[in-house]
């Protein structure tokens, strides 16, 4: 039986992606590394043309998935889908949680780039221009962070937020608030830009409230500011923040949806079992997990192509925390 590219990589002591480049993009490798791979291939009788036929992608690779907070259900759904796609492709998926810490994220990626055949970085907190250099020659996919020269998967908030704005305005709301997430979050900046533009187009007031931890506690902390703003409807950075706003406002005597309409983002499983059930913008993070591993699999296989950005649409899911403006308030 002919040797595989994985066996060549192991024999040469390099990552599978490095061995793949020796036959697809040799100019990207140093002379010593290239010699090691070619020597291993010759010794094992590896036939590069045969192994690179369409559909003959490498198996047994290791993919590292880096997330900021595995306790957040949206990242749990992402990881589960990534693992499922990896299992389908006979890949091992390993997980690293950075706890929203930029230094830890930097350290984790630096450690993993030489130990994994590819890296998926979900909702990174590092600057966009730093990530490609940090990943080095290891194939990478960024999720919910867009930068040139790297495959990216984005949950595009445009459709979901447009539906939300139209819905709230149809209910009579003319004073909205947006509670931000982390200042380092690409998703927060992306969503804020869309909400601001939609409010301007509709001629309604929008109060942008300060950055909060992307947790229930962060939402609870934001509740007093939401109530003080006088907004009749609030869009939160994510569902956890939205649930915190509902709980915090209740302690102040403000109830959803009678006094305040609340919309979250992500549509986590908890959204439909709370009381009242949370209106939320569904973001297909499970799909993002599968797509990111698929893109990485093809990159590790050495397919020569330009970096690609995949946009996944979002959609409003109406439940019990939104309703018409109370008479006399609008």
C-alpha atoms as a PDB file:
ATOM      1  CA  UNK A   1       0.000   0.000   0.000  1.00  0.00           C
ATOM      2  CA  UNK A   2       1.315   3.455  -0.914  1.00  0.00           C
ATOM      3  CA  UNK A   3       2.407   5.741   1.902  1.00  0.00           C
ATOM      4  CA  UNK A   4       0.056   8.538   2.944  1.00  0.00           C
ATOM      5  CA  UNK A   5       0.841  12.198   3.432  1.00  0.00           C
ATOM      6  CA  UNK A   6       0.136  11.765   7.145  1.00  0.00           C
ATOM      7  CA  UNK A   7       2.850   9.097   7.353  1.00  0.00           C
ATOM      8  CA  UNK A   8       5.273  11.374   5.521  1.00  0.00           C
ATOM      9  CA  UNK A   9       4.550  14.187   7.972  1.00  0.00           C
ATOM     10  CA  UNK A  10       5.086  11.914  10.963  1.00  0.00           C
ATOM     11  CA  UNK A  11       8.314  10.521   9.514  1.00  0.00           C
ATOM     12  CA  UNK A  12       9.647  14.015   8.813  1.00  0.00           C
ATOM     13  CA  UNK A  13       8.545  15.321  12.210  1.00  0.00           C
ATOM     14  CA  UNK A  14       6.386  18.119  10.804  1.00  0.00           C
ATOM     15  CA  UNK A  15       2.706  19.043  10.813  1.00  0.00           C
ATOM     16  CA  UNK A  16       0.497  17.559   8.108  1.00  0.00           C
ATOM     17  CA  UNK A  17      -0.145  21.035   6.708  1.00  0.00           C
ATOM     18  CA  UNK A  18       3.617  21.567   6.360  1.00  0.00           C
ATOM     19  CA  UNK A  19       4.041  18.283   4.507  1.00  0.00           C
ATOM     20  CA  UNK A  20       1.159  19.235   2.221  1.00  0.00           C
ATOM     21  CA  UNK A  21       2.835  22.532   1.336  1.00  0.00           C
ATOM     22  CA  UNK A  22       6.023  20.729   0.332  1.00  0.00           C
ATOM     23  CA  UNK A  23       4.140  19.379  -2.691  1.00  0.00           C
ATOM     24  CA  UNK A  24       1.649  22.193  -3.296  1.00  0.00           C
ATOM     25  CA  UNK A  25       3.453  25.371  -2.238  1.00  0.00           C
ATOM     26  CA  UNK A  26       7.138  24.497  -1.678  1.00  0.00           C
ATOM     27  CA  UNK A  27       8.151  28.138  -1.851  1.00  0.00           C
ATOM     28  CA  UNK A  28       6.437  28.738   1.500  1.00  0.00           C
ATOM     29  CA  UNK A  29       8.769  26.326   3.317  1.00  0.00           C
ATOM     30  CA  UNK A  30      12.327  26.818   4.495  1.00  0.00           C
ATOM     31  CA  UNK A  31      15.016  24.850   2.683  1.00  0.00           C
ATOM     32  CA  UNK A  32      15.755  22.529   5.620  1.00  0.00           C
ATOM     33  CA  UNK A  33      12.081  21.730   6.221  1.00  0.00           C
ATOM     34  CA  UNK A  34      11.479  21.090   2.539  1.00  0.00           C
ATOM     35  CA  UNK A  35      14.464  18.731   2.366  1.00  0.00           C
ATOM     36  CA  UNK A  36      13.194  16.773   5.380  1.00  0.00           C
ATOM     37  CA  UNK A  37       9.748  16.299   3.883  1.00  0.00           C
ATOM     38  CA  UNK A  38      11.027  15.311   0.448  1.00  0.00           C
ATOM     39  CA  UNK A  39      13.522  12.878   1.977  1.00  0.00           C
ATOM     40  CA  UNK A  40      10.766  11.273   4.058  1.00  0.00           C
ATOM     41  CA  UNK A  41       8.536  11.010   0.987  1.00  0.00           C
ATOM     42  CA  UNK A  42      11.279   9.321  -1.027  1.00  0.00           C
ATOM     43  CA  UNK A  43      12.115   6.924   1.785  1.00  0.00           C
ATOM     44  CA  UNK A  44       8.475   5.892   2.240  1.00  0.00           C
ATOM     45  CA  UNK A  45       7.665   5.747  -1.454  1.00  0.00           C
ATOM     46  CA  UNK A  46       5.051   8.471  -1.232  1.00  0.00           C
ATOM     47  CA  UNK A  47       3.291   9.371  -4.500  1.00  0.00           C
ATOM     48  CA  UNK A  48       2.047  12.983  -4.235  1.00  0.00           C
ATOM     49  CA  UNK A  49       0.026  12.958  -7.440  1.00  0.00           C
ATOM     50  CA  UNK A  50      -1.949   9.944  -6.329  1.00  0.00           C
ATOM     51  CA  UNK A  51      -2.694  11.274  -2.850  1.00  0.00           C
ATOM     52  CA  UNK A  52      -3.979  14.607  -4.096  1.00  0.00           C
ATOM     53  CA  UNK A  53      -6.792  13.369  -6.297  1.00  0.00           C
ATOM     54  CA  UNK A  54     -10.128  15.131  -5.869  1.00  0.00           C
ATOM     55  CA  UNK A  55     -11.838  13.920  -2.726  1.00  0.00           C
ATOM     56  CA  UNK A  56      -8.677  12.238  -1.410  1.00  0.00           C
ATOM     57  CA  UNK A  57      -8.266  14.618   1.523  1.00  0.00           C
ATOM     58  CA  UNK A  58      -6.075  13.825   4.528  1.00  0.00           C
ATOM     59  CA  UNK A  59      -7.559  12.012   7.486  1.00  0.00           C
ATOM     60  CA  UNK A  60      -6.365  11.659  11.038  1.00  0.00           C
ATOM     61  CA  UNK A  61      -5.585  15.356  11.349  1.00  0.00           C
ATOM     62  CA  UNK A  62      -5.902  17.380  14.535  1.00  0.00           C
ATOM     63  CA  UNK A  63      -7.943  20.583  14.562  1.00  0.00           C
ATOM     64  CA  UNK A  64      -7.735  23.024  17.468  1.00  0.00           C
ATOM     65  CA  UNK A  65     -10.868  25.047  18.247  1.00  0.00           C
ATOM     66  CA  UNK A  66     -10.353  28.170  20.359  1.00  0.00           C
ATOM     67  CA  UNK A  67     -13.399  29.820  21.995  1.00  0.00           C
ATOM     68  CA  UNK A  68     -13.678  32.681  24.509  1.00  0.00           C
ATOM     69  CA  UNK A  69     -16.142  31.049  26.920  1.00  0.00           C
ATOM     70  CA  UNK A  70     -17.316  27.449  26.721  1.00  0.00           C
ATOM     71  CA  UNK A  71     -19.866  28.173  29.488  1.00  0.00           C
ATOM     72  CA  UNK A  72     -21.831  30.340  27.042  1.00  0.00           C
ATOM     73  CA  UNK A  73     -24.336  28.020  25.330  1.00  0.00           C
ATOM     74  CA  UNK A  74     -23.738  29.620  21.925  1.00  0.00           C
ATOM     75  CA  UNK A  75     -20.104  28.524  21.973  1.00  0.00           C
ATOM     76  CA  UNK A  76     -21.121  25.096  23.230  1.00  0.00           C
ATOM     77  CA  UNK A  77     -23.326  24.678  20.143  1.00  0.00           C
ATOM     78  CA  UNK A  78     -20.459  25.844  17.951  1.00  0.00           C
ATOM     79  CA  UNK A  79     -18.005  23.356  19.457  1.00  0.00           C
ATOM     80  CA  UNK A  80     -20.455  20.445  19.293  1.00  0.00           C
ATOM     81  CA  UNK A  81     -21.053  21.065  15.579  1.00  0.00           C
ATOM     82  CA  UNK A  82     -17.323  21.441  14.921  1.00  0.00           C
ATOM     83  CA  UNK A  83     -16.676  18.136  16.659  1.00  0.00           C
ATOM     84  CA  UNK A  84     -19.411  16.461  14.644  1.00  0.00           C
ATOM     85  CA  UNK A  85     -17.925  17.699  11.371  1.00  0.00           C
ATOM     86  CA  UNK A  86     -14.474  16.633  12.517  1.00  0.00           C
ATOM     87  CA  UNK A  87     -15.718  13.165  13.421  1.00  0.00           C
ATOM     88  CA  UNK A  88     -17.313  12.873   9.979  1.00  0.00           C
ATOM     89  CA  UNK A  89     -13.937  13.670   8.426  1.00  0.00           C
ATOM     90  CA  UNK A  90     -11.994  11.442  10.849  1.00  0.00           C
ATOM     91  CA  UNK A  91     -10.337  14.440  12.455  1.00  0.00           C
ATOM     92  CA  UNK A  92      -9.565  14.943  16.119  1.00  0.00           C
ATOM     93  CA  UNK A  93     -10.963  18.217  17.466  1.00  0.00           C
ATOM     94  CA  UNK A  94      -9.346  19.650  20.592  1.00  0.00           C
ATOM     95  CA  UNK A  95     -10.758  22.593  22.542  1.00  0.00           C
ATOM     96  CA  UNK A  96      -9.199  25.596  24.262  1.00  0.00           C
ATOM     97  CA  UNK A  97     -11.131  28.170  26.315  1.00  0.00           C
ATOM     98  CA  UNK A  98      -9.523  31.606  26.669  1.00  0.00           C
ATOM     99  CA  UNK A  99     -11.980  33.135  29.174  1.00  0.00           C
ATOM    100  CA  UNK A 100     -12.203  36.356  27.104  1.00  0.00           C
ATOM    101  CA  UNK A 101      -8.544  37.049  27.960  1.00  0.00           C
ATOM    102  CA  UNK A 102      -6.446  38.471  25.101  1.00  0.00           C
ATOM    103  CA  UNK A 103      -3.114  37.392  26.581  1.00  0.00           C
ATOM    104  CA  UNK A 104      -4.395  33.870  27.151  1.00  0.00           C
ATOM    105  CA  UNK A 105      -5.778  33.793  23.610  1.00  0.00           C
ATOM    106  CA  UNK A 106      -2.404  34.852  22.225  1.00  0.00           C
ATOM    107  CA  UNK A 107      -0.585  32.226  24.294  1.00  0.00           C
ATOM    108  CA  UNK A 108      -3.023  29.436  23.383  1.00  0.00           C
ATOM    109  CA  UNK A 109      -2.768  30.094  19.640  1.00  0.00           C
ATOM    110  CA  UNK A 110       1.024  30.311  19.808  1.00  0.00           C
ATOM    111  CA  UNK A 111       1.185  26.950  21.587  1.00  0.00           C
ATOM    112  CA  UNK A 112      -1.317  25.213  19.329  1.00  0.00           C
ATOM    113  CA  UNK A 113      -0.015  26.351  15.942  1.00  0.00           C
ATOM    114  CA  UNK A 114       2.856  23.850  16.041  1.00  0.00           C
ATOM    115  CA  UNK A 115       0.818  21.050  17.607  1.00  0.00           C
ATOM    116  CA  UNK A 116      -2.306  21.112  15.435  1.00  0.00           C
ATOM    117  CA  UNK A 117      -2.744  20.778  11.686  1.00  0.00           C
ATOM    118  CA  UNK A 118      -5.194  23.683  11.684  1.00  0.00           C
ATOM    119  CA  UNK A 119      -6.800  26.197  14.043  1.00  0.00           C
ATOM    120  CA  UNK A 120     -10.348  27.562  14.258  1.00  0.00           C
ATOM    121  CA  UNK A 121     -10.536  30.754  16.322  1.00  0.00           C
ATOM    122  CA  UNK A 122     -14.088  31.680  17.307  1.00  0.00           C
ATOM    123  CA  UNK A 123     -14.957  35.260  18.308  1.00  0.00           C
ATOM    124  CA  UNK A 124     -11.333  36.256  18.984  1.00  0.00           C
ATOM    125  CA  UNK A 125     -10.492  39.261  21.150  1.00  0.00           C
ATOM    126  CA  UNK A 126      -7.107  39.933  19.541  1.00  0.00           C
ATOM    127  CA  UNK A 127      -6.744  42.587  16.857  1.00  0.00           C
ATOM    128  CA  UNK A 128      -7.574  41.379  13.359  1.00  0.00           C
ATOM    129  CA  UNK A 129      -4.147  42.177  11.938  1.00  0.00           C
ATOM    130  CA  UNK A 130      -2.379  40.186  14.673  1.00  0.00           C
ATOM    131  CA  UNK A 131      -4.208  36.898  14.133  1.00  0.00           C
ATOM    132  CA  UNK A 132      -2.795  35.808  10.731  1.00  0.00           C
ATOM    133  CA  UNK A 133       0.771  36.502  11.870  1.00  0.00           C
ATOM    134  CA  UNK A 134       0.161  34.661  15.136  1.00  0.00           C
ATOM    135  CA  UNK A 135      -1.164  31.560  13.356  1.00  0.00           C
ATOM    136  CA  UNK A 136       1.887  31.611  11.089  1.00  0.00           C
ATOM    137  CA  UNK A 137       1.901  28.915   8.433  1.00  0.00           C
ATOM    138  CA  UNK A 138      -0.705  26.809  10.189  1.00  0.00           C
ATOM    139  CA  UNK A 139      -4.030  26.970   8.289  1.00  0.00           C
ATOM    140  CA  UNK A 140      -6.608  28.970  10.225  1.00  0.00           C
ATOM    141  CA  UNK A 141     -10.278  29.916  10.046  1.00  0.00           C
ATOM    142  CA  UNK A 142     -11.637  32.912  11.940  1.00  0.00           C
ATOM    143  CA  UNK A 143     -15.257  32.895  13.102  1.00  0.00           C
ATOM    144  CA  UNK A 144     -17.013  36.210  13.699  1.00  0.00           C
ATOM    145  CA  UNK A 145     -13.899  38.184  12.918  1.00  0.00           C
ATOM    146  CA  UNK A 146     -13.136  39.368   9.392  1.00  0.00           C
ATOM    147  CA  UNK A 147      -9.620  40.044   8.149  1.00  0.00           C
ATOM    148  CA  UNK A 148      -7.801  39.791   4.841  1.00  0.00           C
ATOM    149  CA  UNK A 149      -5.828  36.724   3.848  1.00  0.00           C
ATOM    150  CA  UNK A 150      -7.661  34.223   6.073  1.00  0.00           C
ATOM    151  CA  UNK A 151     -10.794  32.081   5.677  1.00  0.00           C
ATOM    152  CA  UNK A 152     -13.593  33.675   7.709  1.00  0.00           C
ATOM    153  CA  UNK A 153     -17.074  32.549   8.772  1.00  0.00           C
ATOM    154  CA  UNK A 154     -19.417  35.347   9.842  1.00  0.00           C
ATOM    155  CA  UNK A 155     -22.894  35.236  11.343  1.00  0.00           C
ATOM    156  CA  UNK A 156     -24.236  38.269   9.501  1.00  0.00           C
ATOM    157  CA  UNK A 157     -26.565  40.203  11.781  1.00  0.00           C
ATOM    158  CA  UNK A 158     -28.020  42.350   8.994  1.00  0.00           C
ATOM    159  CA  UNK A 159     -31.205  40.390   8.249  1.00  0.00           C
ATOM    160  CA  UNK A 160     -32.041  39.584  11.858  1.00  0.00           C
ATOM    161  CA  UNK A 161     -31.547  43.141  13.074  1.00  0.00           C
ATOM    162  CA  UNK A 162     -33.533  44.598  10.177  1.00  0.00           C
ATOM    163  CA  UNK A 163     -36.408  42.252  11.011  1.00  0.00           C
ATOM    164  CA  UNK A 164     -36.118  43.274  14.664  1.00  0.00           C
ATOM    165  CA  UNK A 165     -36.174  47.005  13.936  1.00  0.00           C
ATOM    166  CA  UNK A 166     -39.167  46.641  11.620  1.00  0.00           C
ATOM    167  CA  UNK A 167     -41.005  44.529  14.192  1.00  0.00           C
ATOM    168  CA  UNK A 168     -40.383  46.873  17.116  1.00  0.00           C
ATOM    169  CA  UNK A 169     -41.357  49.933  15.092  1.00  0.00           C
ATOM    170  CA  UNK A 170     -44.548  48.171  13.962  1.00  0.00           C
ATOM    171  CA  UNK A 171     -45.345  47.646  17.651  1.00  0.00           C
ATOM    172  CA  UNK A 172     -45.127  51.398  18.190  1.00  0.00           C
ATOM    173  CA  UNK A 173     -41.642  51.686  19.672  1.00  0.00           C
ATOM    174  CA  UNK A 174     -39.892  54.953  18.809  1.00  0.00           C
ATOM    175  CA  UNK A 175     -37.203  54.965  21.493  1.00  0.00           C
ATOM    176  CA  UNK A 176     -34.789  52.033  21.410  1.00  0.00           C
ATOM    177  CA  UNK A 177     -31.666  51.147  23.368  1.00  0.00           C
ATOM    178  CA  UNK A 178     -28.757  48.877  22.505  1.00  0.00           C
ATOM    179  CA  UNK A 179     -26.679  47.298  25.286  1.00  0.00           C
ATOM    180  CA  UNK A 180     -23.178  46.583  24.064  1.00  0.00           C
ATOM    181  CA  UNK A 181     -20.982  43.560  24.703  1.00  0.00           C
ATOM    182  CA  UNK A 182     -17.203  43.577  24.957  1.00  0.00           C
ATOM    183  CA  UNK A 183     -15.277  46.463  23.417  1.00  0.00           C
ATOM    184  CA  UNK A 184     -12.983  43.848  21.805  1.00  0.00           C
ATOM    185  CA  UNK A 185     -15.858  41.975  20.168  1.00  0.00           C
ATOM    186  CA  UNK A 186     -16.095  42.179  16.369  1.00  0.00           C
ATOM    187  CA  UNK A 187     -19.694  41.004  16.664  1.00  0.00           C
ATOM    188  CA  UNK A 188     -20.534  43.904  18.957  1.00  0.00           C
ATOM    189  CA  UNK A 189     -19.068  46.458  16.545  1.00  0.00           C
ATOM    190  CA  UNK A 190     -20.804  44.755  13.613  1.00  0.00           C
ATOM    191  CA  UNK A 191     -24.202  44.728  15.329  1.00  0.00           C
ATOM    192  CA  UNK A 192     -23.900  48.251  16.689  1.00  0.00           C
ATOM    193  CA  UNK A 193     -23.170  49.625  13.227  1.00  0.00           C
ATOM    194  CA  UNK A 194     -26.233  47.920  11.791  1.00  0.00           C
ATOM    195  CA  UNK A 195     -28.560  48.984  14.620  1.00  0.00           C
ATOM    196  CA  UNK A 196     -27.359  52.586  14.387  1.00  0.00           C
ATOM    197  CA  UNK A 197     -27.932  52.705  10.627  1.00  0.00           C
ATOM    198  CA  UNK A 198     -31.388  51.139  10.928  1.00  0.00           C
ATOM    199  CA  UNK A 199     -32.457  53.615  13.613  1.00  0.00           C
ATOM    200  CA  UNK A 200     -31.277  56.542  11.503  1.00  0.00           C
ATOM    201  CA  UNK A 201     -33.120  55.236   8.452  1.00  0.00           C
ATOM    202  CA  UNK A 202     -36.339  54.792  10.430  1.00  0.00           C
ATOM    203  CA  UNK A 203     -36.071  58.120  12.222  1.00  0.00           C
ATOM    204  CA  UNK A 204     -36.291  56.598  15.700  1.00  0.00           C
ATOM    205  CA  UNK A 205     -34.198  57.405  18.746  1.00  0.00           C
ATOM    206  CA  UNK A 206     -31.429  54.982  19.721  1.00  0.00           C
ATOM    207  CA  UNK A 207     -29.516  55.131  23.000  1.00  0.00           C
ATOM    208  CA  UNK A 208     -26.253  53.177  22.882  1.00  0.00           C
ATOM    209  CA  UNK A 209     -25.401  52.013  26.388  1.00  0.00           C
ATOM    210  CA  UNK A 210     -21.950  51.095  27.671  1.00  0.00           C
ATOM    211  CA  UNK A 211     -19.938  47.911  27.249  1.00  0.00           C
ATOM    212  CA  UNK A 212     -20.916  45.022  29.519  1.00  0.00           C
ATOM    213  CA  UNK A 213     -19.661  41.555  30.326  1.00  0.00           C
ATOM    214  CA  UNK A 214     -21.409  39.197  27.914  1.00  0.00           C
ATOM    215  CA  UNK A 215     -23.136  37.365  30.765  1.00  0.00           C
ATOM    216  CA  UNK A 216     -26.383  37.414  32.746  1.00  0.00           C
ATOM    217  CA  UNK A 217     -24.575  39.450  35.398  1.00  0.00           C
ATOM    218  CA  UNK A 218     -23.572  41.963  32.738  1.00  0.00           C
ATOM    219  CA  UNK A 219     -27.195  42.329  31.713  1.00  0.00           C
ATOM    220  CA  UNK A 220     -28.346  42.728  35.297  1.00  0.00           C
ATOM    221  CA  UNK A 221     -25.780  45.491  35.739  1.00  0.00           C
ATOM    222  CA  UNK A 222     -27.075  47.215  32.596  1.00  0.00           C
ATOM    223  CA  UNK A 223     -30.746  47.080  33.603  1.00  0.00           C
ATOM    224  CA  UNK A 224     -30.776  50.297  35.621  1.00  0.00           C
ATOM    225  CA  UNK A 225     -29.259  52.211  32.715  1.00  0.00           C
ATOM    226  CA  UNK A 226     -31.838  50.790  30.335  1.00  0.00           C
ATOM    227  CA  UNK A 227     -34.704  51.810  32.611  1.00  0.00           C
ATOM    228  CA  UNK A 228     -33.194  55.259  33.223  1.00  0.00           C
ATOM    229  CA  UNK A 229     -32.843  55.867  29.477  1.00  0.00           C
ATOM    230  CA  UNK A 230     -36.607  55.794  29.040  1.00  0.00           C
ATOM    231  CA  UNK A 231     -36.333  53.415  26.077  1.00  0.00           C
ATOM    232  CA  UNK A 232     -39.426  51.296  25.502  1.00  0.00           C
ATOM    233  CA  UNK A 233     -37.475  48.509  23.777  1.00  0.00           C
ATOM    234  CA  UNK A 234     -33.907  47.264  24.162  1.00  0.00           C
ATOM    235  CA  UNK A 235     -31.744  45.063  21.959  1.00  0.00           C
ATOM    236  CA  UNK A 236     -29.007  43.263  23.891  1.00  0.00           C
ATOM    237  CA  UNK A 237     -25.657  42.078  22.572  1.00  0.00           C
ATOM    238  CA  UNK A 238     -26.590  38.475  23.331  1.00  0.00           C
ATOM    239  CA  UNK A 239     -29.227  36.353  25.032  1.00  0.00           C
ATOM    240  CA  UNK A 240     -27.410  36.133  28.361  1.00  0.00           C
ATOM    241  CA  UNK A 241     -27.250  39.919  28.601  1.00  0.00           C
ATOM    242  CA  UNK A 242     -30.925  40.129  27.578  1.00  0.00           C
ATOM    243  CA  UNK A 243     -31.967  37.672  30.286  1.00  0.00           C
ATOM    244  CA  UNK A 244     -30.023  39.707  32.823  1.00  0.00           C
ATOM    245  CA  UNK A 245     -31.821  42.870  31.694  1.00  0.00           C
ATOM    246  CA  UNK A 246     -35.218  41.187  32.107  1.00  0.00           C
ATOM    247  CA  UNK A 247     -34.303  40.051  35.624  1.00  0.00           C
ATOM    248  CA  UNK A 248     -32.677  43.329  36.639  1.00  0.00           C
ATOM    249  CA  UNK A 249     -35.528  45.462  35.322  1.00  0.00           C
ATOM    250  CA  UNK A 250     -38.027  43.314  37.200  1.00  0.00           C
ATOM    251  CA  UNK A 251     -36.339  44.151  40.505  1.00  0.00           C
ATOM    252  CA  UNK A 252     -36.863  47.822  39.608  1.00  0.00           C
ATOM    253  CA  UNK A 253     -40.572  47.270  38.996  1.00  0.00           C
ATOM    254  CA  UNK A 254     -40.246  47.260  35.199  1.00  0.00           C
ATOM    255  CA  UNK A 255     -41.632  44.143  33.559  1.00  0.00           C
ATOM    256  CA  UNK A 256     -41.173  42.635  30.103  1.00  0.00           C
ATOM    257  CA  UNK A 257     -43.063  42.975  27.849  1.00  0.00           C
ATOM    258  CA  UNK A 258     -45.671  45.216  29.520  1.00  0.00           C
ATOM    259  CA  UNK A 259     -43.230  48.023  30.374  1.00  0.00           C
ATOM    260  CA  UNK A 260     -40.172  47.147  28.311  1.00  0.00           C
ATOM    261  CA  UNK A 261     -39.637  44.981  25.237  1.00  0.00           C
ATOM    262  CA  UNK A 262     -36.377  43.004  25.300  1.00  0.00           C
ATOM    263  CA  UNK A 263     -34.643  41.289  22.368  1.00  0.00           C
ATOM    264  CA  UNK A 264     -31.579  39.068  22.685  1.00  0.00           C
ATOM    265  CA  UNK A 265     -29.179  37.660  20.147  1.00  0.00           C
ATOM    266  CA  UNK A 266     -28.085  34.027  19.498  1.00  0.00           C
ATOM    267  CA  UNK A 267     -31.327  32.160  20.321  1.00  0.00           C
ATOM    268  CA  UNK A 268     -29.725  29.843  22.856  1.00  0.00           C
ATOM    269  CA  UNK A 269     -31.865  26.921  24.140  1.00  0.00           C
ATOM    270  CA  UNK A 270     -32.548  28.783  27.394  1.00  0.00           C
ATOM    271  CA  UNK A 271     -34.339  31.545  25.463  1.00  0.00           C
ATOM    272  CA  UNK A 272     -37.455  29.457  24.857  1.00  0.00           C
ATOM    273  CA  UNK A 273     -37.807  28.023  28.375  1.00  0.00           C
ATOM    274  CA  UNK A 274     -37.555  31.212  30.446  1.00  0.00           C
ATOM    275  CA  UNK A 275     -40.708  33.022  31.567  1.00  0.00           C
ATOM    276  CA  UNK A 276     -41.540  35.000  29.624  1.00  0.00           C
ATOM    277  CA  UNK A 277     -39.738  33.289  26.766  1.00  0.00           C
ATOM    278  CA  UNK A 278     -37.098  35.530  25.218  1.00  0.00           C
ATOM    279  CA  UNK A 279     -37.505  37.102  21.795  1.00  0.00           C
ATOM    280  CA  UNK A 280     -34.146  36.597  20.110  1.00  0.00           C
ATOM    281  CA  UNK A 281     -32.241  36.843  16.852  1.00  0.00           C
ATOM    282  CA  UNK A 282     -31.181  33.337  15.869  1.00  0.00           C
ATOM    283  CA  UNK A 283     -27.525  33.067  14.844  1.00  0.00           C
ATOM    284  CA  UNK A 284     -26.580  29.734  13.214  1.00  0.00           C
ATOM    285  CA  UNK A 285     -23.477  29.072  15.306  1.00  0.00           C
ATOM    286  CA  UNK A 286     -23.900  25.328  14.883  1.00  0.00           C
ATOM    287  CA  UNK A 287     -23.680  25.830  11.136  1.00  0.00           C
ATOM    288  CA  UNK A 288     -20.667  28.087  11.655  1.00  0.00           C
ATOM    289  CA  UNK A 289     -18.934  25.298  13.567  1.00  0.00           C
ATOM    290  CA  UNK A 290     -19.440  22.789  10.773  1.00  0.00           C
ATOM    291  CA  UNK A 291     -18.497  25.210   7.985  1.00  0.00           C
ATOM    292  CA  UNK A 292     -15.318  26.336   9.728  1.00  0.00           C
ATOM    293  CA  UNK A 293     -14.035  22.776  10.091  1.00  0.00           C
ATOM    294  CA  UNK A 294     -14.950  22.027   6.480  1.00  0.00           C
ATOM    295  CA  UNK A 295     -12.974  25.070   5.280  1.00  0.00           C
ATOM    296  CA  UNK A 296     -10.035  24.124   7.457  1.00  0.00           C
ATOM    297  CA  UNK A 297     -10.099  20.546   6.217  1.00  0.00           C
ATOM    298  CA  UNK A 298      -9.718  21.752   2.647  1.00  0.00           C
ATOM    299  CA  UNK A 299      -6.943  24.149   3.589  1.00  0.00           C
ATOM    300  CA  UNK A 300      -5.017  21.392   5.366  1.00  0.00           C
ATOM    301  CA  UNK A 301      -5.482  19.227   2.268  1.00  0.00           C
ATOM    302  CA  UNK A 302      -3.424  21.777   0.370  1.00  0.00           C
ATOM    303  CA  UNK A 303      -6.086  22.968  -2.036  1.00  0.00           C
ATOM    304  CA  UNK A 304      -4.696  26.126  -3.577  1.00  0.00           C
ATOM    305  CA  UNK A 305      -7.361  28.842  -3.541  1.00  0.00           C
ATOM    306  CA  UNK A 306      -7.970  32.382  -2.409  1.00  0.00           C
ATOM    307  CA  UNK A 307      -9.193  32.921   1.179  1.00  0.00           C
ATOM    308  CA  UNK A 308     -12.952  32.807   1.426  1.00  0.00           C
ATOM    309  CA  UNK A 309     -15.490  34.580   3.628  1.00  0.00           C
ATOM    310  CA  UNK A 310     -18.770  32.767   4.320  1.00  0.00           C
ATOM    311  CA  UNK A 311     -21.751  34.846   5.499  1.00  0.00           C
ATOM    312  CA  UNK A 312     -24.452  33.008   7.461  1.00  0.00           C
ATOM    313  CA  UNK A 313     -27.790  34.880   7.795  1.00  0.00           C
ATOM    314  CA  UNK A 314     -29.658  35.562  11.038  1.00  0.00           C
ATOM    315  CA  UNK A 315     -33.406  35.637  11.725  1.00  0.00           C
ATOM    316  CA  UNK A 316     -35.731  37.093  14.355  1.00  0.00           C
ATOM    317  CA  UNK A 317     -37.611  34.603  16.557  1.00  0.00           C
ATOM    318  CA  UNK A 318     -40.547  36.304  18.298  1.00  0.00           C
ATOM    319  CA  UNK A 319     -41.489  35.123  21.792  1.00  0.00           C
ATOM    320  CA  UNK A 320     -42.829  36.632  24.980  1.00  0.00           C
ATOM    321  CA  UNK A 321     -40.500  39.498  25.937  1.00  0.00           C
ATOM    322  CA  UNK A 322     -41.695  41.858  23.195  1.00  0.00           C
ATOM    323  CA  UNK A 323     -45.037  43.569  22.788  1.00  0.00           C
ATOM    324  CA  UNK A 324     -46.762  46.850  21.905  1.00  0.00           C
ATOM    325  CA  UNK A 325     -45.749  50.066  23.610  1.00  0.00           C
ATOM    326  CA  UNK A 326     -47.873  50.656  26.691  1.00  0.00           C
ATOM    327  CA  UNK A 327     -50.513  53.297  25.980  1.00  0.00           C
ATOM    328  CA  UNK A 328     -49.351  56.792  26.842  1.00  0.00           C
ATOM    329  CA  UNK A 329     -45.615  56.007  26.658  1.00  0.00           C
ATOM    330  CA  UNK A 330     -44.746  56.126  22.951  1.00  0.00           C
END
